[in-house]
Amino acid sequence: MRSVRGVSIGIILLLALFAFTVFSTRDKAPADVASITTPQLPSPSSLEIVAMLNEGPGNIAITPQGRIFLSMHQFYGPRMRVMELVNGRLTPYPSPAWSSAPNEDGVGLEAVLGIQSDPDGVLWIMDNGGLGKAEPRLVAWDTVREKLLHVHELPPPDDVEFSILSDLALDPKHGLAYVTDTAGRQSSILIVDMKSGAAKRVLTGHVSVLADQSVTIEFETGRTVTRIGPQGGKEEWKVPLNPITIDADYEWLYYGPMHGTTLYRVRTKDLADVFAGRRSEESLGDRIEAFGSRPPCDGISMDADGNIYITDIGNAAVGVMDTNGQYRTLYRDPALLDWVDGLANGPDGYIYGTVNKLHRSAPLSGGSGNAAPPFYVVRFPALAATSPGR
């Protein structure tokens, strides 16, 4: 009788714990999503350090052939803008001349954040021009044949004081690239024809691309992100549109503001129709879907089954959103995952990420700039088959 009673009590306790967990989390407002946790994390051994770096990386791209490329974050003033990671060492890519500041012949890169490989191994490099130092350019380099394919000059937005063409997603199904323009209230998605370089901005100022002013990202070092304001003095910077990715079937584009707790998506067909003039730009806003709640993040990527990996920058973590829009934490490590920036699928079943301590850089810490190496490239096993090119 005692053992049966003990089992009954145990079952009741488990049911009570389950009920508490469900009802205490399901109705929380989006602003609370930044603190979502999971009680059991994967084994620490499944999170690996691929490389320790002396310079802060930006984003990461991995070709179907397994070559790893990094943009070197412009907030750290790198001498070389794009590097290939080979056996833990960085090599300027495509060459020292192309990886450094542009010369009088236009060879070189001014400032690079967004970088991505397409299924053919072409590396697409988004040179954002370094806040007006040069015209933005989207550069395509064939890493298989080692030759330059395209240099597309991109028009800056009109009447916008601050614009950074940062992250990008590639859509070879429609022949388009989608670039996030972090431009305050004028933030938008820039659609670029991958062959001709023709470009069109869409969703300018739409709620899905704007920073949520109620969201604050706080770190162990205190409130950030903090910058030197236009009038001098420190101010909290609410960062708009930044993370972006595309599914393996090139049917949906996923994106959102860094300072935000909603992941949005839109059909690539709708974007292609607007670009081609088959649909009005005004109608595009009605096609946006709020897919799920997530923490403020800097980078996202998707595997072949539609799991969306998300950098939880406020909690030194990486999480995943499933195909139903439900988010959970995968890894948390304050010492190692100190601002995970970019994510990318490798052909080996792993998701790779860059760790750059960006909230400690001078532009995002009100000028203090106390970030110190090492910086990292890390990886962890994907929950499904990987899909290089995102």
Protein backbone atom coordinates (compact mmCIF):
# COMPACT_ATOMS: atom_id res chain seq x y z
CA MET A 1 0.00 0.00 0.00
CA ARG A 2 2.85 2.38 0.82
CA SER A 3 4.55 1.87 -2.56
CA VAL A 4 1.30 2.46 -4.48
CA ARG A 5 0.66 5.59 -2.46
CA GLY A 6 4.20 6.79 -3.17
CA VAL A 7 3.74 6.26 -6.89
CA SER A 8 0.43 8.12 -6.81
CA ILE A 9 2.00 11.08 -5.06
CA GLY A 10 4.84 11.07 -7.57
CA ILE A 11 2.42 11.13 -10.49
CA ILE A 12 0.44 13.98 -8.94
CA LEU A 13 3.62 16.00 -8.44
CA LEU A 14 4.71 15.43 -12.03
CA LEU A 15 1.31 16.49 -13.33
CA ALA A 16 1.38 19.59 -11.15
CA LEU A 17 4.85 20.50 -12.42
CA PHE A 18 3.71 20.00 -16.01
CA ALA A 19 0.62 22.16 -15.50
CA PHE A 20 2.67 24.90 -13.85
CA THR A 21 5.17 24.89 -16.70
CA VAL A 22 2.51 25.07 -19.41
CA PHE A 23 0.27 27.69 -17.85
CA SER A 24 3.15 29.87 -16.61
CA THR A 25 4.69 30.19 -20.08
CA ARG A 26 1.99 29.99 -22.72
CA ASP A 27 0.39 33.37 -22.09
CA LYS A 28 3.47 35.50 -21.56
CA ALA A 29 3.72 38.69 -23.57
CA PRO A 30 6.33 38.82 -26.36
CA ALA A 31 8.50 41.17 -24.27
CA ASP A 32 9.21 38.25 -21.93
CA VAL A 33 10.50 35.99 -24.67
CA ALA A 34 14.09 37.13 -24.18
CA SER A 35 14.20 35.08 -20.97
CA ILE A 36 12.81 31.81 -22.41
CA THR A 37 14.78 28.83 -21.10
CA THR A 38 14.76 25.07 -21.26
CA PRO A 39 15.45 23.08 -18.06
CA GLN A 40 17.64 20.52 -19.81
CA LEU A 41 20.40 21.57 -22.20
CA PRO A 42 22.32 19.31 -24.56
CA SER A 43 25.66 17.94 -23.45
CA PRO A 44 28.33 20.67 -23.40
CA SER A 45 30.55 18.40 -25.47
CA SER A 46 28.23 18.84 -28.46
CA LEU A 47 29.09 22.56 -28.61
CA GLU A 48 32.57 22.78 -30.12
CA ILE A 49 35.15 25.51 -30.67
CA VAL A 50 36.27 25.43 -34.30
CA ALA A 51 38.72 28.32 -34.06
CA MET A 52 39.96 30.97 -31.64
CA LEU A 53 40.58 34.33 -33.32
CA ASN A 54 42.49 37.47 -32.43
CA GLU A 55 40.12 39.62 -34.52
CA GLY A 56 36.35 39.96 -34.24
CA PRO A 57 34.44 38.17 -37.00
CA GLY A 58 31.14 39.31 -38.43
CA ASN A 59 29.10 36.77 -40.36
CA ILE A 60 29.97 33.32 -41.66
CA ALA A 61 29.36 31.54 -44.97
CA ILE A 62 30.07 27.90 -45.77
CA THR A 63 30.10 26.57 -49.32
CA PRO A 64 28.67 23.18 -50.32
CA GLN A 65 32.30 22.10 -50.66
CA GLY A 66 32.87 22.88 -46.97
CA ARG A 67 35.02 26.01 -47.31
CA ILE A 68 34.48 28.46 -44.45
CA PHE A 69 34.49 32.23 -45.02
CA LEU A 70 34.17 35.04 -42.51
CA SER A 71 33.49 38.73 -42.80
CA MET A 72 35.61 40.64 -40.29
CA HIS A 73 33.36 42.99 -38.37
CA GLN A 74 33.73 46.63 -39.36
CA PHE A 75 33.14 47.80 -35.79
CA TYR A 76 36.64 46.52 -34.99
CA GLY A 77 38.32 48.34 -37.88
CA PRO A 78 39.84 45.28 -39.59
CA ARG A 79 42.61 45.66 -42.14
CA MET A 80 41.24 42.68 -44.08
CA ARG A 81 37.50 42.53 -44.69
CA VAL A 82 36.93 38.88 -45.74
CA MET A 83 38.89 35.83 -44.62
CA GLU A 84 38.90 32.12 -45.33
CA LEU A 85 39.30 29.89 -42.30
CA VAL A 86 41.69 27.04 -43.10
CA ASN A 87 42.87 24.70 -40.36
CA GLY A 88 42.11 27.31 -37.73
CA ARG A 89 44.04 30.08 -39.50
CA LEU A 90 42.71 33.12 -41.36
CA THR A 91 43.73 33.90 -44.94
CA PRO A 92 42.60 37.04 -46.83
CA TYR A 93 40.02 36.21 -49.51
CA PRO A 94 39.75 36.34 -52.48
CA SER A 95 43.20 37.96 -52.26
CA PRO A 96 44.94 40.51 -50.04
CA ALA A 97 44.10 43.22 -52.58
CA TRP A 98 40.40 42.33 -52.74
CA SER A 99 40.14 41.85 -48.99
CA SER A 100 41.55 45.28 -48.13
CA ALA A 101 40.34 48.82 -48.78
CA PRO A 102 39.47 49.60 -52.43
CA ASN A 103 42.21 50.98 -54.68
CA GLU A 104 41.82 53.43 -57.56
CA ASP A 105 40.74 50.59 -59.86
CA GLY A 106 37.91 49.57 -57.57
CA VAL A 107 39.59 46.39 -56.40
CA GLY A 108 38.93 45.88 -52.71
CA LEU A 109 36.18 46.04 -50.10
CA GLU A 110 35.33 48.95 -47.80
CA ALA A 111 33.26 47.23 -45.08
CA VAL A 112 31.60 43.83 -45.04
CA LEU A 113 29.03 42.26 -42.73
CA GLY A 114 26.74 40.14 -44.92
CA ILE A 115 28.33 37.14 -46.60
CA GLN A 116 26.66 34.05 -48.05
CA SER A 117 27.34 31.13 -50.39
CA ASP A 118 24.91 29.93 -53.04
CA PRO A 119 24.43 26.26 -54.01
CA ASP A 120 27.06 26.57 -56.75
CA GLY A 121 29.77 27.73 -54.36
CA VAL A 122 29.57 31.39 -55.39
CA LEU A 123 30.39 33.62 -52.44
CA TRP A 124 28.21 36.72 -52.28
CA ILE A 125 29.83 39.57 -50.36
CA MET A 126 27.83 42.61 -49.22
CA ASP A 127 30.18 45.60 -49.12
CA ASN A 128 28.08 48.19 -47.32
CA GLY A 129 30.44 51.05 -48.07
CA GLY A 130 31.39 51.81 -44.48
CA LEU A 131 28.73 54.40 -43.57
CA GLY A 132 29.14 56.52 -46.67
CA LYS A 133 32.85 56.09 -47.33
CA ALA A 134 32.06 54.31 -50.59
CA GLU A 135 29.08 53.20 -52.64
CA PRO A 136 27.58 49.88 -51.46
CA ARG A 137 28.39 46.94 -53.74
CA LEU A 138 27.28 43.32 -53.88
CA VAL A 139 30.24 41.24 -55.04
CA ALA A 140 29.93 37.66 -56.33
CA TRP A 141 33.06 35.48 -56.38
CA ASP A 142 33.13 31.93 -57.74
CA THR A 143 35.05 29.92 -55.12
CA VAL A 144 35.17 26.82 -57.36
CA ARG A 145 36.74 28.46 -60.43
CA GLU A 146 38.29 31.27 -58.36
CA LYS A 147 37.08 34.15 -60.47
CA LEU A 148 35.06 37.32 -60.10
CA LEU A 149 31.52 37.06 -61.48
CA HIS A 150 29.68 40.25 -60.54
CA VAL A 151 30.13 43.63 -58.90
CA HIS A 152 26.69 45.17 -58.48
CA GLU A 153 26.65 48.79 -57.35
CA LEU A 154 23.64 49.41 -55.12
CA PRO A 155 21.91 52.76 -54.72
CA PRO A 156 21.77 54.18 -51.19
CA PRO A 157 18.31 55.14 -49.91
CA ASP A 158 17.13 58.70 -50.42
CA ASP A 159 17.08 61.13 -47.50
CA VAL A 160 18.40 58.60 -44.95
CA GLU A 161 21.26 59.68 -42.73
CA PHE A 162 22.16 56.25 -41.41
CA SER A 163 22.03 53.09 -43.53
CA ILE A 164 23.89 49.78 -43.27
CA LEU A 165 23.31 47.06 -45.84
CA SER A 166 24.13 44.19 -43.53
CA ASP A 167 22.86 40.60 -43.71
CA LEU A 168 21.61 38.82 -46.82
CA ALA A 169 19.74 35.75 -48.00
CA LEU A 170 20.03 34.22 -51.46
CA ASP A 171 17.11 32.99 -53.57
CA PRO A 172 18.44 31.27 -56.71
CA LYS A 173 14.93 29.95 -57.45
CA HIS A 174 13.86 33.50 -58.33
CA GLY A 175 17.35 34.82 -59.10
CA LEU A 176 17.17 37.33 -56.26
CA ALA A 177 19.15 38.35 -53.19
CA TYR A 178 17.48 39.94 -50.16
CA VAL A 179 19.55 42.39 -48.14
CA THR A 180 18.60 43.96 -44.81
CA ASP A 181 18.99 47.73 -44.71
CA THR A 182 19.38 48.81 -41.09
CA ALA A 183 18.26 52.41 -41.51
CA GLY A 184 16.25 53.45 -38.48
CA ARG A 185 12.66 54.40 -39.33
CA GLN A 186 13.52 53.91 -43.03
CA SER A 187 14.70 50.31 -42.61
CA SER A 188 13.76 48.04 -45.50
CA ILE A 189 14.54 44.90 -47.43
CA LEU A 190 16.56 45.55 -50.58
CA ILE A 191 15.77 43.07 -53.37
CA VAL A 192 18.64 42.65 -55.82
CA ASP A 193 18.63 40.81 -59.16
CA MET A 194 21.58 38.44 -58.86
CA LYS A 195 22.48 38.75 -62.57
CA SER A 196 21.81 42.37 -63.47
CA GLY A 197 22.18 44.09 -60.10
CA ALA A 198 18.85 45.90 -60.47
CA ALA A 199 17.51 46.70 -57.02
CA LYS A 200 14.27 47.69 -55.31
CA ARG A 201 13.53 48.55 -51.67
CA VAL A 202 10.40 47.11 -50.12
CA LEU A 203 8.65 47.20 -46.74
CA THR A 204 10.28 50.53 -45.89
CA GLY A 205 9.15 51.51 -42.40
CA HIS A 206 6.87 48.47 -42.04
CA VAL A 207 6.34 47.28 -38.45
CA SER A 208 8.10 43.99 -39.26
CA VAL A 209 11.39 45.77 -39.97
CA LEU A 210 11.33 48.40 -37.21
CA ALA A 211 12.85 48.08 -33.75
CA ASP A 212 10.41 47.47 -30.91
CA GLN A 213 11.04 50.43 -28.63
CA SER A 214 9.78 48.47 -25.61
CA VAL A 215 12.58 45.89 -25.95
CA THR A 216 15.81 46.41 -24.04
CA ILE A 217 18.71 43.96 -24.24
CA GLU A 218 20.63 43.73 -20.99
CA PHE A 219 23.94 41.96 -20.44
CA GLU A 220 26.02 41.16 -17.38
CA THR A 221 27.91 44.39 -18.02
CA GLY A 222 24.71 46.43 -17.83
CA ARG A 223 22.26 47.85 -20.32
CA THR A 224 23.21 47.86 -23.98
CA VAL A 225 23.15 48.35 -26.93
CA THR A 226 24.58 51.85 -26.31
CA ARG A 227 26.00 54.28 -28.85
CA ILE A 228 27.19 57.87 -29.05
CA GLY A 229 24.12 59.79 -30.17
CA PRO A 230 23.92 62.34 -33.01
CA GLN A 231 24.06 65.17 -30.49
CA GLY A 232 26.84 63.58 -28.46
CA GLY A 233 26.42 61.67 -25.25
CA LYS A 234 25.45 58.05 -24.79
CA GLU A 235 22.06 56.66 -25.75
CA GLU A 236 20.50 53.24 -26.01
CA TRP A 237 20.35 52.12 -29.63
CA LYS A 238 17.28 50.17 -30.68
CA VAL A 239 18.49 48.21 -33.71
CA PRO A 240 15.92 47.55 -36.44
CA LEU A 241 15.95 44.95 -39.24
CA ASN A 242 19.00 42.70 -39.17
CA PRO A 243 18.62 38.88 -39.02
CA ILE A 244 17.40 37.20 -42.21
CA THR A 245 17.32 33.71 -43.73
CA ILE A 246 15.50 31.61 -46.31
CA ASP A 247 14.17 28.07 -46.25
CA ALA A 248 15.68 25.17 -48.20
CA ASP A 249 12.86 25.26 -50.78
CA TYR A 250 13.20 29.03 -51.31
CA GLU A 251 9.51 29.54 -50.55
CA TRP A 252 9.69 31.71 -47.41
CA LEU A 253 11.95 34.54 -46.28
CA TYR A 254 12.27 34.89 -42.50
CA TYR A 255 13.46 38.12 -40.86
CA GLY A 256 12.96 40.64 -38.09
CA PRO A 257 14.53 43.50 -36.14
CA MET A 258 17.37 42.84 -33.70
CA HIS A 259 15.40 44.67 -31.02
CA GLY A 260 12.24 42.65 -31.38
CA THR A 261 10.57 39.48 -30.14
CA THR A 262 8.71 38.35 -33.25
CA LEU A 263 10.05 36.40 -36.22
CA TYR A 264 8.27 37.41 -39.41
CA ARG A 265 8.07 35.72 -42.77
CA VAL A 266 6.91 36.49 -46.30
CA ARG A 267 6.62 34.33 -49.40
CA THR A 268 9.47 34.74 -51.88
CA LYS A 269 6.91 34.58 -54.71
CA ASP A 270 5.29 37.72 -53.34
CA LEU A 271 8.66 39.45 -53.16
CA ALA A 272 9.48 38.36 -56.72
CA ASP A 273 6.08 39.59 -57.93
CA VAL A 274 6.62 43.01 -56.37
CA PHE A 275 10.13 43.20 -57.83
CA ALA A 276 8.80 42.35 -61.31
CA GLY A 277 5.83 44.72 -61.03
CA ARG A 278 3.23 41.95 -60.96
CA ARG A 279 2.10 42.97 -57.47
CA SER A 280 1.96 46.42 -55.91
CA GLU A 281 4.46 47.26 -53.21
CA GLU A 282 1.62 48.56 -51.02
CA SER A 283 -0.03 45.12 -51.01
CA LEU A 284 3.11 43.39 -49.72
CA GLY A 285 2.56 44.47 -46.13
CA ASP A 286 -0.67 42.47 -46.00
CA ARG A 287 1.25 39.33 -46.95
CA ILE A 288 3.56 39.42 -43.92
CA GLU A 289 3.06 36.71 -41.30
CA ALA A 290 4.13 36.75 -37.65
CA PHE A 291 5.60 33.25 -37.43
CA GLY A 292 6.64 32.96 -33.79
CA SER A 293 8.02 34.60 -30.65
CA ARG A 294 11.78 34.67 -30.14
CA PRO A 295 14.44 36.57 -28.19
CA PRO A 296 16.24 39.63 -29.57
CA CYS A 297 18.83 38.28 -31.98
CA ASP A 298 21.55 39.17 -34.47
CA GLY A 299 21.59 36.12 -36.75
CA ILE A 300 19.35 33.25 -37.89
CA SER A 301 19.73 30.19 -40.10
CA MET A 302 17.55 27.21 -41.12
CA ASP A 303 18.21 23.53 -41.65
CA ALA A 304 16.63 21.35 -44.34
CA ASP A 305 13.65 20.45 -42.14
CA GLY A 306 12.74 24.05 -41.37
CA ASN A 307 14.21 24.38 -37.87
CA ILE A 308 15.30 28.00 -37.40
CA TYR A 309 18.43 28.57 -35.30
CA ILE A 310 18.49 31.90 -33.49
CA THR A 311 21.28 33.79 -31.70
CA ASP A 312 19.96 34.87 -28.30
CA ILE A 313 22.41 37.72 -27.74
CA GLY A 314 20.96 38.89 -24.43
CA ASN A 315 21.34 35.50 -22.77
CA ALA A 316 24.64 34.35 -24.31
CA ALA A 317 22.71 31.54 -25.93
CA VAL A 318 21.57 29.89 -29.14
CA GLY A 319 18.03 28.61 -29.55
CA VAL A 320 15.82 27.00 -32.15
CA MET A 321 12.30 27.61 -33.42
CA ASP A 322 10.45 24.60 -34.80
CA THR A 323 8.08 24.50 -37.76
CA ASN A 324 5.18 25.38 -35.47
CA GLY A 325 6.85 28.61 -34.36
CA GLN A 326 7.75 27.29 -30.89
CA TYR A 327 11.10 28.49 -29.50
CA ARG A 328 13.43 26.79 -27.04
CA THR A 329 17.02 27.30 -25.90
CA LEU A 330 19.66 24.88 -27.14
CA TYR A 331 22.89 26.18 -25.59
CA ARG A 332 23.77 28.79 -22.99
CA ASP A 333 27.34 29.63 -22.06
CA PRO A 334 28.14 33.17 -20.80
CA ALA A 335 31.88 32.63 -21.19
CA LEU A 336 31.83 31.16 -24.71
CA LEU A 337 28.68 32.48 -26.40
CA ASP A 338 29.39 36.14 -25.69
CA TRP A 339 27.24 37.62 -28.50
CA VAL A 340 26.82 35.00 -31.22
CA ASP A 341 26.50 37.03 -34.41
CA GLY A 342 26.15 34.98 -37.60
CA LEU A 343 25.02 31.38 -38.18
CA ALA A 344 25.47 29.12 -41.20
CA ASN A 345 24.74 25.55 -42.28
CA GLY A 346 27.75 23.39 -43.01
CA PRO A 347 27.57 20.39 -45.38
CA ASP A 348 28.67 18.16 -42.49
CA GLY A 349 25.48 18.24 -40.40
CA TYR A 350 26.64 21.12 -38.16
CA ILE A 351 25.47 24.68 -37.62
CA TYR A 352 28.43 27.09 -37.38
CA GLY A 353 28.43 30.43 -35.60
CA THR A 354 30.66 33.44 -34.99
CA VAL A 355 31.18 34.87 -31.50
CA ASN A 356 32.41 38.47 -31.53
CA LYS A 357 31.51 40.15 -28.19
CA LEU A 358 29.92 42.92 -30.19
CA HIS A 359 28.23 44.59 -27.22
CA ARG A 360 31.77 45.26 -25.95
CA SER A 361 32.87 46.98 -29.17
CA ALA A 362 33.20 50.77 -29.08
CA PRO A 363 30.21 51.52 -31.38
CA LEU A 364 27.83 49.43 -29.24
CA SER A 365 29.18 50.27 -25.79
CA GLY A 366 29.02 54.04 -25.90
CA GLY A 367 32.64 54.31 -26.99
CA SER A 368 34.22 52.27 -24.17
CA GLY A 369 35.37 49.43 -26.43
CA ASN A 370 36.52 46.80 -23.92
CA ALA A 371 36.18 43.75 -26.18
CA ALA A 372 39.28 41.56 -26.08
CA PRO A 373 40.27 38.34 -27.83
CA PRO A 374 39.82 35.49 -28.11
CA PHE A 375 36.84 35.57 -30.42
CA TYR A 376 35.43 32.30 -31.67
CA VAL A 377 33.98 30.22 -34.42
CA VAL A 378 31.82 27.50 -32.87
CA ARG A 379 29.65 24.68 -34.14
CA PHE A 380 26.98 22.29 -32.87
CA PRO A 381 25.05 19.41 -34.46
CA ALA A 382 21.90 20.42 -36.32
CA LEU A 383 18.60 18.84 -35.33
CA ALA A 384 18.05 17.69 -38.93
CA ALA A 385 19.96 17.52 -42.20
CA THR A 386 21.80 20.74 -42.96
CA SER A 387 21.26 22.82 -46.07
CA PRO A 388 24.32 24.89 -47.09
CA GLY A 389 23.56 28.31 -48.52
CA ARG A 390 21.83 29.75 -45.46
